[in-house]
């Protein structure tokens, strides 16, 4: 029997980040959670229940951070319930959704960032925190950027892609990745984002050609046919057949420069490039919808070129 006041009674403080979306979104959510955990000298755990096939939050996405050297455990229902104040059995989850839907739930430890604005006050949070939101932009984790870079290196058992011949081509050329994110098969994302246009990529390629000598453009996309039809001219283009998502992201990050889409996936590939003189071209317009576009002031790092 444990007596009150004993060392084993110590309350464990933790940060829990709820993961949602694809790989790029999960990386943002992890990065802020990990940075906050470092600041508070505490543990980060991840709520991945939204990727459970039997969950009410079922999604086509999956938990995608397993290949990386992240420092985070998986949060149990009991741990989540303790932090947000509502038991996380099936009945408790239904009850918490009911309260949220009617605006009756408020817990200062449950941080719900439902927009894309940068909230500087979030950086000073202490104690038990449950994070739910996008947290997109390097300002959420820049003070711990080295730890985040290490976290997004591949574990040895997933690093076979680094032995691929394409890596030698990338390393031995003035390499620039081009990423075209095709939202055509995701109706909701296409409506809010919109695809980057061929004119954008043509202008970006021209800027790179004016700034560096003999660039080789390595093209990544789930729709390489569109890229082959729309990327032309005198550019030296290498079309890279698709690999697993984390493998493509790491291959892209091996390049020296980048032309990205309005995509968190290619944002991270560009951010991870280890070249202090890298040139990154990003679209001036990130979202098709005005309400989201107005929140992107801090999304693209200063120094990247927006056109």
C-alpha atoms as a PDB file:
ATOM      1  CA  UNK A   1       0.000   0.000   0.000  1.00  0.00           C
ATOM      2  CA  UNK A   2       1.395   3.419  -1.014  1.00  0.00           C
ATOM      3  CA  UNK A   3       1.152   6.143   1.574  1.00  0.00           C
ATOM      4  CA  UNK A   4       0.430   9.752   0.651  1.00  0.00           C
ATOM      5  CA  UNK A   5       3.587  11.795   0.374  1.00  0.00           C
ATOM      6  CA  UNK A   6       5.842   8.926  -0.750  1.00  0.00           C
ATOM      7  CA  UNK A   7       8.070   9.402  -3.809  1.00  0.00           C
ATOM      8  CA  UNK A   8       5.981   6.920  -5.758  1.00  0.00           C
ATOM      9  CA  UNK A   9       3.025   9.292  -5.372  1.00  0.00           C
ATOM     10  CA  UNK A  10       4.742  11.846  -7.597  1.00  0.00           C
ATOM     11  CA  UNK A  11       2.456  13.141 -10.316  1.00  0.00           C
ATOM     12  CA  UNK A  12       3.940  12.577 -13.776  1.00  0.00           C
ATOM     13  CA  UNK A  13       3.619  15.618 -16.009  1.00  0.00           C
ATOM     14  CA  UNK A  14       3.334  14.958 -19.726  1.00  0.00           C
ATOM     15  CA  UNK A  15       2.553  16.564 -23.059  1.00  0.00           C
ATOM     16  CA  UNK A  16       0.150  14.617 -25.268  1.00  0.00           C
ATOM     17  CA  UNK A  17      -0.175  15.527 -28.949  1.00  0.00           C
ATOM     18  CA  UNK A  18      -3.143  14.271 -30.930  1.00  0.00           C
ATOM     19  CA  UNK A  19      -1.982  13.262 -34.400  1.00  0.00           C
ATOM     20  CA  UNK A  20      -4.160  13.805 -37.460  1.00  0.00           C
ATOM     21  CA  UNK A  21      -3.729  14.064 -41.204  1.00  0.00           C
ATOM     22  CA  UNK A  22      -0.859  12.729 -43.295  1.00  0.00           C
ATOM     23  CA  UNK A  23       2.887  12.605 -42.755  1.00  0.00           C
ATOM     24  CA  UNK A  24       3.556  16.342 -43.098  1.00  0.00           C
ATOM     25  CA  UNK A  25       0.804  17.315 -40.643  1.00  0.00           C
ATOM     26  CA  UNK A  26       1.953  14.686 -38.148  1.00  0.00           C
ATOM     27  CA  UNK A  27       5.489  16.069 -38.337  1.00  0.00           C
ATOM     28  CA  UNK A  28       4.243  19.552 -37.402  1.00  0.00           C
ATOM     29  CA  UNK A  29       2.200  18.167 -34.515  1.00  0.00           C
ATOM     30  CA  UNK A  30       5.118  16.107 -33.231  1.00  0.00           C
ATOM     31  CA  UNK A  31       7.586  18.986 -33.629  1.00  0.00           C
ATOM     32  CA  UNK A  32       5.562  21.371 -31.460  1.00  0.00           C
ATOM     33  CA  UNK A  33       4.793  18.691 -28.887  1.00  0.00           C
ATOM     34  CA  UNK A  34       8.438  17.635 -28.670  1.00  0.00           C
ATOM     35  CA  UNK A  35       9.636  21.237 -28.427  1.00  0.00           C
ATOM     36  CA  UNK A  36       7.159  21.918 -25.624  1.00  0.00           C
ATOM     37  CA  UNK A  37       8.244  18.735 -23.843  1.00  0.00           C
ATOM     38  CA  UNK A  38      11.915  19.777 -24.078  1.00  0.00           C
ATOM     39  CA  UNK A  39      11.093  23.184 -22.637  1.00  0.00           C
ATOM     40  CA  UNK A  40       9.210  21.616 -19.734  1.00  0.00           C
ATOM     41  CA  UNK A  41      11.751  18.811 -19.270  1.00  0.00           C
ATOM     42  CA  UNK A  42       8.998  16.260 -19.487  1.00  0.00           C
ATOM     43  CA  UNK A  43       7.682  13.453 -21.627  1.00  0.00           C
ATOM     44  CA  UNK A  44       5.838  13.605 -24.942  1.00  0.00           C
ATOM     45  CA  UNK A  45       3.220  11.023 -25.815  1.00  0.00           C
ATOM     46  CA  UNK A  46       1.134  10.716 -28.955  1.00  0.00           C
ATOM     47  CA  UNK A  47      -2.591  10.141 -29.250  1.00  0.00           C
ATOM     48  CA  UNK A  48      -2.911   8.018 -32.403  1.00  0.00           C
ATOM     49  CA  UNK A  49      -6.456   6.764 -31.865  1.00  0.00           C
ATOM     50  CA  UNK A  50      -7.650   8.597 -34.966  1.00  0.00           C
ATOM     51  CA  UNK A  51      -5.772   6.019 -37.062  1.00  0.00           C
ATOM     52  CA  UNK A  52      -7.441   3.048 -35.394  1.00  0.00           C
ATOM     53  CA  UNK A  53      -9.628   1.197 -37.905  1.00  0.00           C
ATOM     54  CA  UNK A  54     -12.282   0.680 -35.237  1.00  0.00           C
ATOM     55  CA  UNK A  55     -12.199   4.273 -34.030  1.00  0.00           C
ATOM     56  CA  UNK A  56     -15.055   6.702 -34.569  1.00  0.00           C
ATOM     57  CA  UNK A  57     -12.351   9.015 -35.967  1.00  0.00           C
ATOM     58  CA  UNK A  58     -11.535   6.590 -38.789  1.00  0.00           C
ATOM     59  CA  UNK A  59      -9.527   8.207 -41.551  1.00  0.00           C
ATOM     60  CA  UNK A  60      -7.835   7.144 -44.749  1.00  0.00           C
ATOM     61  CA  UNK A  61      -4.568   8.321 -43.233  1.00  0.00           C
ATOM     62  CA  UNK A  62      -2.303   6.276 -40.973  1.00  0.00           C
ATOM     63  CA  UNK A  63       0.236   6.816 -38.240  1.00  0.00           C
ATOM     64  CA  UNK A  64       3.319   7.682 -40.310  1.00  0.00           C
ATOM     65  CA  UNK A  65       6.096   8.570 -37.855  1.00  0.00           C
ATOM     66  CA  UNK A  66       7.279   5.036 -37.008  1.00  0.00           C
ATOM     67  CA  UNK A  67      10.265   5.110 -39.447  1.00  0.00           C
ATOM     68  CA  UNK A  68      11.774   8.158 -37.717  1.00  0.00           C
ATOM     69  CA  UNK A  69      13.936   8.572 -34.621  1.00  0.00           C
ATOM     70  CA  UNK A  70      11.179  10.318 -32.698  1.00  0.00           C
ATOM     71  CA  UNK A  71      11.202  10.421 -28.901  1.00  0.00           C
ATOM     72  CA  UNK A  72       7.610   9.799 -27.907  1.00  0.00           C
ATOM     73  CA  UNK A  73       5.483   6.988 -26.566  1.00  0.00           C
ATOM     74  CA  UNK A  74       1.891   6.178 -27.417  1.00  0.00           C
ATOM     75  CA  UNK A  75      -0.581   7.667 -24.936  1.00  0.00           C
ATOM     76  CA  UNK A  76      -3.000   5.298 -23.241  1.00  0.00           C
ATOM     77  CA  UNK A  77      -6.675   6.110 -22.813  1.00  0.00           C
ATOM     78  CA  UNK A  78      -6.110   6.492 -19.079  1.00  0.00           C
ATOM     79  CA  UNK A  79      -3.312   9.027 -19.635  1.00  0.00           C
ATOM     80  CA  UNK A  80      -5.415  11.019 -22.096  1.00  0.00           C
ATOM     81  CA  UNK A  81      -8.366  10.987 -19.709  1.00  0.00           C
ATOM     82  CA  UNK A  82      -6.204  12.194 -16.833  1.00  0.00           C
ATOM     83  CA  UNK A  83      -4.852  15.133 -18.858  1.00  0.00           C
ATOM     84  CA  UNK A  84      -8.126  16.314 -20.404  1.00  0.00           C
ATOM     85  CA  UNK A  85     -10.251  15.500 -17.353  1.00  0.00           C
ATOM     86  CA  UNK A  86     -12.723  13.081 -18.965  1.00  0.00           C
ATOM     87  CA  UNK A  87     -12.329   9.270 -18.864  1.00  0.00           C
ATOM     88  CA  UNK A  88     -11.501   7.977 -22.333  1.00  0.00           C
ATOM     89  CA  UNK A  89     -13.587   4.829 -22.430  1.00  0.00           C
ATOM     90  CA  UNK A  90     -16.182   4.720 -25.210  1.00  0.00           C
ATOM     91  CA  UNK A  91     -18.850   6.402 -23.073  1.00  0.00           C
ATOM     92  CA  UNK A  92     -16.422   9.081 -21.881  1.00  0.00           C
ATOM     93  CA  UNK A  93     -15.363   9.909 -25.421  1.00  0.00           C
ATOM     94  CA  UNK A  94     -18.979  10.220 -26.550  1.00  0.00           C
ATOM     95  CA  UNK A  95     -19.679  12.485 -23.577  1.00  0.00           C
ATOM     96  CA  UNK A  96     -16.663  14.713 -24.286  1.00  0.00           C
ATOM     97  CA  UNK A  97     -17.690  15.084 -27.954  1.00  0.00           C
ATOM     98  CA  UNK A  98     -21.210  15.995 -26.838  1.00  0.00           C
ATOM     99  CA  UNK A  99     -19.843  18.710 -24.523  1.00  0.00           C
ATOM    100  CA  UNK A 100     -17.528  20.097 -27.220  1.00  0.00           C
ATOM    101  CA  UNK A 101     -20.287  20.149 -29.824  1.00  0.00           C
ATOM    102  CA  UNK A 102     -22.456  22.292 -27.564  1.00  0.00           C
ATOM    103  CA  UNK A 103     -19.632  24.528 -26.345  1.00  0.00           C
ATOM    104  CA  UNK A 104     -19.926  23.296 -22.753  1.00  0.00           C
ATOM    105  CA  UNK A 105     -16.443  21.825 -22.455  1.00  0.00           C
ATOM    106  CA  UNK A 106     -13.546  23.961 -21.298  1.00  0.00           C
ATOM    107  CA  UNK A 107     -10.255  22.671 -19.967  1.00  0.00           C
ATOM    108  CA  UNK A 108      -7.230  24.995 -20.102  1.00  0.00           C
ATOM    109  CA  UNK A 109      -5.059  21.864 -20.338  1.00  0.00           C
ATOM    110  CA  UNK A 110      -6.780  20.832 -23.574  1.00  0.00           C
ATOM    111  CA  UNK A 111      -5.304  23.145 -26.194  1.00  0.00           C
ATOM    112  CA  UNK A 112      -7.366  23.169 -29.381  1.00  0.00           C
ATOM    113  CA  UNK A 113      -5.829  25.310 -32.134  1.00  0.00           C
ATOM    114  CA  UNK A 114      -8.485  25.238 -34.825  1.00  0.00           C
ATOM    115  CA  UNK A 115      -6.830  27.793 -37.105  1.00  0.00           C
ATOM    116  CA  UNK A 116      -3.431  28.198 -38.789  1.00  0.00           C
ATOM    117  CA  UNK A 117      -2.391  31.417 -37.074  1.00  0.00           C
ATOM    118  CA  UNK A 118       0.787  31.415 -34.991  1.00  0.00           C
ATOM    119  CA  UNK A 119      -0.091  31.596 -31.287  1.00  0.00           C
ATOM    120  CA  UNK A 120       3.000  32.808 -29.470  1.00  0.00           C
ATOM    121  CA  UNK A 121       1.374  32.321 -26.062  1.00  0.00           C
ATOM    122  CA  UNK A 122       1.320  28.558 -26.676  1.00  0.00           C
ATOM    123  CA  UNK A 123       5.119  28.477 -26.351  1.00  0.00           C
ATOM    124  CA  UNK A 124       4.940  29.252 -22.638  1.00  0.00           C
ATOM    125  CA  UNK A 125       2.561  26.441 -21.675  1.00  0.00           C
ATOM    126  CA  UNK A 126       3.467  24.355 -18.625  1.00  0.00           C
ATOM    127  CA  UNK A 127       2.082  21.336 -16.804  1.00  0.00           C
ATOM    128  CA  UNK A 128      -0.084  18.622 -18.326  1.00  0.00           C
ATOM    129  CA  UNK A 129      -1.107  19.654 -21.854  1.00  0.00           C
ATOM    130  CA  UNK A 130      -3.188  17.910 -24.516  1.00  0.00           C
ATOM    131  CA  UNK A 131      -2.459  19.414 -27.947  1.00  0.00           C
ATOM    132  CA  UNK A 132      -4.968  19.276 -30.779  1.00  0.00           C
ATOM    133  CA  UNK A 133      -4.446  21.262 -33.962  1.00  0.00           C
ATOM    134  CA  UNK A 134      -2.100  21.926 -36.895  1.00  0.00           C
ATOM    135  CA  UNK A 135       0.710  24.071 -35.378  1.00  0.00           C
ATOM    136  CA  UNK A 136       2.167  24.722 -38.810  1.00  0.00           C
ATOM    137  CA  UNK A 137       5.257  26.900 -39.039  1.00  0.00           C
ATOM    138  CA  UNK A 138       8.788  26.694 -37.676  1.00  0.00           C
ATOM    139  CA  UNK A 139       8.151  29.292 -34.965  1.00  0.00           C
ATOM    140  CA  UNK A 140       6.520  26.540 -32.919  1.00  0.00           C
ATOM    141  CA  UNK A 141       9.782  24.592 -32.637  1.00  0.00           C
ATOM    142  CA  UNK A 142      12.665  26.691 -33.995  1.00  0.00           C
ATOM    143  CA  UNK A 143      14.411  26.938 -30.595  1.00  0.00           C
ATOM    144  CA  UNK A 144      14.762  23.152 -30.644  1.00  0.00           C
ATOM    145  CA  UNK A 145      15.377  22.772 -34.375  1.00  0.00           C
ATOM    146  CA  UNK A 146      18.436  20.521 -33.948  1.00  0.00           C
ATOM    147  CA  UNK A 147      16.449  18.029 -31.872  1.00  0.00           C
ATOM    148  CA  UNK A 148      13.659  18.088 -34.446  1.00  0.00           C
ATOM    149  CA  UNK A 149      16.094  17.449 -37.313  1.00  0.00           C
ATOM    150  CA  UNK A 150      17.531  14.456 -35.469  1.00  0.00           C
ATOM    151  CA  UNK A 151      14.039  13.157 -34.769  1.00  0.00           C
ATOM    152  CA  UNK A 152      13.214  13.147 -38.474  1.00  0.00           C
ATOM    153  CA  UNK A 153      16.214  11.065 -39.479  1.00  0.00           C
ATOM    154  CA  UNK A 154      15.439   7.454 -40.374  1.00  0.00           C
ATOM    155  CA  UNK A 155      15.889   4.523 -38.043  1.00  0.00           C
ATOM    156  CA  UNK A 156      18.473   2.054 -39.428  1.00  0.00           C
ATOM    157  CA  UNK A 157      15.837  -0.550 -40.296  1.00  0.00           C
ATOM    158  CA  UNK A 158      14.041   1.993 -42.518  1.00  0.00           C
ATOM    159  CA  UNK A 159      17.104   3.635 -44.078  1.00  0.00           C
ATOM    160  CA  UNK A 160      17.667   1.313 -47.035  1.00  0.00           C
ATOM    161  CA  UNK A 161      16.496   4.059 -49.399  1.00  0.00           C
ATOM    162  CA  UNK A 162      19.707   5.975 -48.632  1.00  0.00           C
ATOM    163  CA  UNK A 163      21.629   3.225 -50.464  1.00  0.00           C
ATOM    164  CA  UNK A 164      19.573   3.754 -53.616  1.00  0.00           C
ATOM    165  CA  UNK A 165      21.433   4.838 -56.809  1.00  0.00           C
ATOM    166  CA  UNK A 166      19.198   7.928 -57.006  1.00  0.00           C
ATOM    167  CA  UNK A 167      20.933   9.260 -53.870  1.00  0.00           C
ATOM    168  CA  UNK A 168      24.263   9.298 -55.712  1.00  0.00           C
ATOM    169  CA  UNK A 169      22.648  11.204 -58.580  1.00  0.00           C
ATOM    170  CA  UNK A 170      21.277  13.739 -56.122  1.00  0.00           C
ATOM    171  CA  UNK A 171      24.535  14.100 -54.196  1.00  0.00           C
ATOM    172  CA  UNK A 172      26.681  14.416 -57.329  1.00  0.00           C
ATOM    173  CA  UNK A 173      24.668  17.151 -59.022  1.00  0.00           C
ATOM    174  CA  UNK A 174      23.435  20.651 -58.318  1.00  0.00           C
ATOM    175  CA  UNK A 175      20.190  19.038 -57.255  1.00  0.00           C
ATOM    176  CA  UNK A 176      16.809  20.697 -56.883  1.00  0.00           C
ATOM    177  CA  UNK A 177      13.688  18.784 -55.978  1.00  0.00           C
ATOM    178  CA  UNK A 178      10.338  19.727 -57.485  1.00  0.00           C
ATOM    179  CA  UNK A 179       7.301  18.421 -55.671  1.00  0.00           C
ATOM    180  CA  UNK A 180       3.866  18.582 -57.260  1.00  0.00           C
ATOM    181  CA  UNK A 181       1.143  17.718 -54.761  1.00  0.00           C
ATOM    182  CA  UNK A 182      -1.926  16.672 -56.714  1.00  0.00           C
ATOM    183  CA  UNK A 183      -5.065  17.197 -54.633  1.00  0.00           C
ATOM    184  CA  UNK A 184      -7.367  16.018 -57.440  1.00  0.00           C
ATOM    185  CA  UNK A 185      -8.337  12.791 -55.662  1.00  0.00           C
ATOM    186  CA  UNK A 186      -9.105  14.543 -52.370  1.00  0.00           C
ATOM    187  CA  UNK A 187     -12.191  16.685 -52.949  1.00  0.00           C
ATOM    188  CA  UNK A 188     -12.105  18.502 -49.602  1.00  0.00           C
ATOM    189  CA  UNK A 189      -8.380  19.275 -49.862  1.00  0.00           C
ATOM    190  CA  UNK A 190      -8.694  20.380 -53.486  1.00  0.00           C
ATOM    191  CA  UNK A 191     -11.419  22.823 -52.485  1.00  0.00           C
ATOM    192  CA  UNK A 192      -9.393  24.406 -49.692  1.00  0.00           C
ATOM    193  CA  UNK A 193      -5.901  24.168 -51.206  1.00  0.00           C
ATOM    194  CA  UNK A 194      -6.188  24.086 -54.977  1.00  0.00           C
ATOM    195  CA  UNK A 195      -3.353  22.667 -57.063  1.00  0.00           C
ATOM    196  CA  UNK A 196      -0.260  24.713 -57.821  1.00  0.00           C
ATOM    197  CA  UNK A 197      -0.388  25.737 -61.469  1.00  0.00           C
ATOM    198  CA  UNK A 198       2.032  24.871 -64.267  1.00  0.00           C
ATOM    199  CA  UNK A 199       2.915  28.578 -64.578  1.00  0.00           C
ATOM    200  CA  UNK A 200       4.176  28.569 -61.002  1.00  0.00           C
ATOM    201  CA  UNK A 201       6.578  25.702 -61.643  1.00  0.00           C
ATOM    202  CA  UNK A 202       7.806  27.248 -64.893  1.00  0.00           C
ATOM    203  CA  UNK A 203       8.577  30.530 -63.127  1.00  0.00           C
ATOM    204  CA  UNK A 204      10.252  28.710 -60.217  1.00  0.00           C
ATOM    205  CA  UNK A 205      12.458  26.659 -62.552  1.00  0.00           C
ATOM    206  CA  UNK A 206      13.534  29.847 -64.319  1.00  0.00           C
ATOM    207  CA  UNK A 207      14.491  31.503 -61.014  1.00  0.00           C
ATOM    208  CA  UNK A 208      16.610  28.502 -60.027  1.00  0.00           C
ATOM    209  CA  UNK A 209      18.322  28.445 -63.434  1.00  0.00           C
ATOM    210  CA  UNK A 210      19.215  32.114 -63.010  1.00  0.00           C
ATOM    211  CA  UNK A 211      20.650  31.595 -59.522  1.00  0.00           C
ATOM    212  CA  UNK A 212      22.664  28.376 -59.754  1.00  0.00           C
ATOM    213  CA  UNK A 213      24.782  26.681 -62.434  1.00  0.00           C
ATOM    214  CA  UNK A 214      23.654  23.517 -64.197  1.00  0.00           C
ATOM    215  CA  UNK A 215      20.788  22.534 -61.910  1.00  0.00           C
ATOM    216  CA  UNK A 216      19.282  19.054 -62.138  1.00  0.00           C
ATOM    217  CA  UNK A 217      15.609  18.954 -61.181  1.00  0.00           C
ATOM    218  CA  UNK A 218      14.401  15.790 -59.463  1.00  0.00           C
ATOM    219  CA  UNK A 219      10.616  15.608 -59.821  1.00  0.00           C
ATOM    220  CA  UNK A 220       8.483  13.909 -57.163  1.00  0.00           C
ATOM    221  CA  UNK A 221       4.716  13.517 -57.380  1.00  0.00           C
ATOM    222  CA  UNK A 222       1.860  11.044 -57.115  1.00  0.00           C
ATOM    223  CA  UNK A 223       0.987  12.263 -60.624  1.00  0.00           C
ATOM    224  CA  UNK A 224       4.178  12.137 -62.672  1.00  0.00           C
ATOM    225  CA  UNK A 225       2.146  12.010 -65.911  1.00  0.00           C
ATOM    226  CA  UNK A 226       0.940  15.567 -65.212  1.00  0.00           C
ATOM    227  CA  UNK A 227       4.508  16.634 -64.515  1.00  0.00           C
ATOM    228  CA  UNK A 228       5.826  15.104 -67.734  1.00  0.00           C
ATOM    229  CA  UNK A 229       3.159  16.973 -69.701  1.00  0.00           C
ATOM    230  CA  UNK A 230       3.646  20.320 -67.957  1.00  0.00           C
ATOM    231  CA  UNK A 231       7.362  20.549 -67.161  1.00  0.00           C
ATOM    232  CA  UNK A 232       9.281  21.187 -70.345  1.00  0.00           C
ATOM    233  CA  UNK A 233      11.761  23.629 -71.824  1.00  0.00           C
ATOM    234  CA  UNK A 234      15.500  23.328 -71.398  1.00  0.00           C
ATOM    235  CA  UNK A 235      15.443  22.101 -67.777  1.00  0.00           C
ATOM    236  CA  UNK A 236      17.362  18.938 -66.922  1.00  0.00           C
ATOM    237  CA  UNK A 237      14.550  16.870 -65.409  1.00  0.00           C
ATOM    238  CA  UNK A 238      14.726  13.511 -63.631  1.00  0.00           C
ATOM    239  CA  UNK A 239      11.331  11.982 -62.847  1.00  0.00           C
ATOM    240  CA  UNK A 240      11.555   9.908 -59.673  1.00  0.00           C
ATOM    241  CA  UNK A 241       9.119   7.024 -59.424  1.00  0.00           C
ATOM    242  CA  UNK A 242       7.165   7.000 -56.179  1.00  0.00           C
ATOM    243  CA  UNK A 243       8.450   5.206 -53.093  1.00  0.00           C
ATOM    244  CA  UNK A 244       6.933   5.028 -49.616  1.00  0.00           C
ATOM    245  CA  UNK A 245       5.991   8.486 -48.368  1.00  0.00           C
ATOM    246  CA  UNK A 246       8.806   8.720 -45.817  1.00  0.00           C
ATOM    247  CA  UNK A 247      11.327   7.512 -48.430  1.00  0.00           C
ATOM    248  CA  UNK A 248      10.315  10.200 -50.928  1.00  0.00           C
ATOM    249  CA  UNK A 249      10.493  12.837 -48.207  1.00  0.00           C
ATOM    250  CA  UNK A 250      14.025  11.778 -47.239  1.00  0.00           C
ATOM    251  CA  UNK A 251      15.141  11.612 -50.886  1.00  0.00           C
ATOM    252  CA  UNK A 252      13.824  15.134 -51.434  1.00  0.00           C
ATOM    253  CA  UNK A 253      15.670  16.345 -48.345  1.00  0.00           C
ATOM    254  CA  UNK A 254      18.962  15.084 -49.812  1.00  0.00           C
ATOM    255  CA  UNK A 255      18.743  17.735 -52.558  1.00  0.00           C
ATOM    256  CA  UNK A 256      20.517  21.090 -52.306  1.00  0.00           C
ATOM    257  CA  UNK A 257      17.550  23.274 -53.260  1.00  0.00           C
ATOM    258  CA  UNK A 258      13.778  22.947 -53.561  1.00  0.00           C
ATOM    259  CA  UNK A 259      10.639  23.977 -55.428  1.00  0.00           C
ATOM    260  CA  UNK A 260       7.699  23.022 -53.238  1.00  0.00           C
ATOM    261  CA  UNK A 261       3.954  22.765 -53.633  1.00  0.00           C
ATOM    262  CA  UNK A 262       1.399  24.156 -51.196  1.00  0.00           C
ATOM    263  CA  UNK A 263       1.972  21.021 -49.162  1.00  0.00           C
ATOM    264  CA  UNK A 264       3.190  20.307 -45.636  1.00  0.00           C
ATOM    265  CA  UNK A 265       4.931  17.219 -47.052  1.00  0.00           C
ATOM    266  CA  UNK A 266       7.240  19.170 -49.357  1.00  0.00           C
ATOM    267  CA  UNK A 267       7.524  21.965 -46.747  1.00  0.00           C
ATOM    268  CA  UNK A 268       9.228  19.465 -44.445  1.00  0.00           C
ATOM    269  CA  UNK A 269      11.433  18.030 -47.186  1.00  0.00           C
ATOM    270  CA  UNK A 270      12.689  21.560 -47.940  1.00  0.00           C
ATOM    271  CA  UNK A 271      13.106  22.466 -44.264  1.00  0.00           C
ATOM    272  CA  UNK A 272      15.214  19.344 -43.660  1.00  0.00           C
ATOM    273  CA  UNK A 273      17.673  20.136 -46.466  1.00  0.00           C
ATOM    274  CA  UNK A 274      21.073  20.486 -44.804  1.00  0.00           C
ATOM    275  CA  UNK A 275      22.456  23.289 -46.955  1.00  0.00           C
ATOM    276  CA  UNK A 276      22.906  26.746 -45.399  1.00  0.00           C
ATOM    277  CA  UNK A 277      22.798  28.277 -48.898  1.00  0.00           C
ATOM    278  CA  UNK A 278      19.695  26.437 -50.062  1.00  0.00           C
ATOM    279  CA  UNK A 279      17.189  28.197 -52.275  1.00  0.00           C
ATOM    280  CA  UNK A 280      13.569  27.261 -51.615  1.00  0.00           C
ATOM    281  CA  UNK A 281      10.779  28.445 -53.903  1.00  0.00           C
ATOM    282  CA  UNK A 282       7.250  28.315 -52.473  1.00  0.00           C
ATOM    283  CA  UNK A 283       3.892  29.369 -53.912  1.00  0.00           C
ATOM    284  CA  UNK A 284       2.714  32.826 -52.920  1.00  0.00           C
ATOM    285  CA  UNK A 285      -0.801  31.484 -52.483  1.00  0.00           C
ATOM    286  CA  UNK A 286      -1.063  28.471 -50.203  1.00  0.00           C
ATOM    287  CA  UNK A 287      -4.847  28.078 -49.992  1.00  0.00           C
ATOM    288  CA  UNK A 288      -7.670  28.617 -52.438  1.00  0.00           C
ATOM    289  CA  UNK A 289     -10.013  29.718 -49.646  1.00  0.00           C
ATOM    290  CA  UNK A 290      -9.490  33.237 -48.324  1.00  0.00           C
ATOM    291  CA  UNK A 291     -10.239  32.331 -44.700  1.00  0.00           C
ATOM    292  CA  UNK A 292      -7.267  29.939 -44.632  1.00  0.00           C
ATOM    293  CA  UNK A 293      -4.970  32.032 -46.818  1.00  0.00           C
ATOM    294  CA  UNK A 294      -5.236  34.920 -44.349  1.00  0.00           C
ATOM    295  CA  UNK A 295      -3.649  32.684 -41.681  1.00  0.00           C
ATOM    296  CA  UNK A 296      -0.456  31.737 -43.565  1.00  0.00           C
ATOM    297  CA  UNK A 297       1.749  34.732 -42.741  1.00  0.00           C
ATOM    298  CA  UNK A 298       4.032  32.623 -40.533  1.00  0.00           C
ATOM    299  CA  UNK A 299       3.779  29.348 -42.435  1.00  0.00           C
ATOM    300  CA  UNK A 300       6.649  29.856 -44.899  1.00  0.00           C
ATOM    301  CA  UNK A 301      10.042  30.607 -43.279  1.00  0.00           C
ATOM    302  CA  UNK A 302      11.689  33.935 -43.960  1.00  0.00           C
ATOM    303  CA  UNK A 303      14.341  33.511 -46.617  1.00  0.00           C
ATOM    304  CA  UNK A 304      12.243  31.235 -48.775  1.00  0.00           C
ATOM    305  CA  UNK A 305      11.152  32.837 -52.048  1.00  0.00           C
ATOM    306  CA  UNK A 306       7.390  33.056 -52.612  1.00  0.00           C
ATOM    307  CA  UNK A 307       6.099  33.583 -56.134  1.00  0.00           C
END
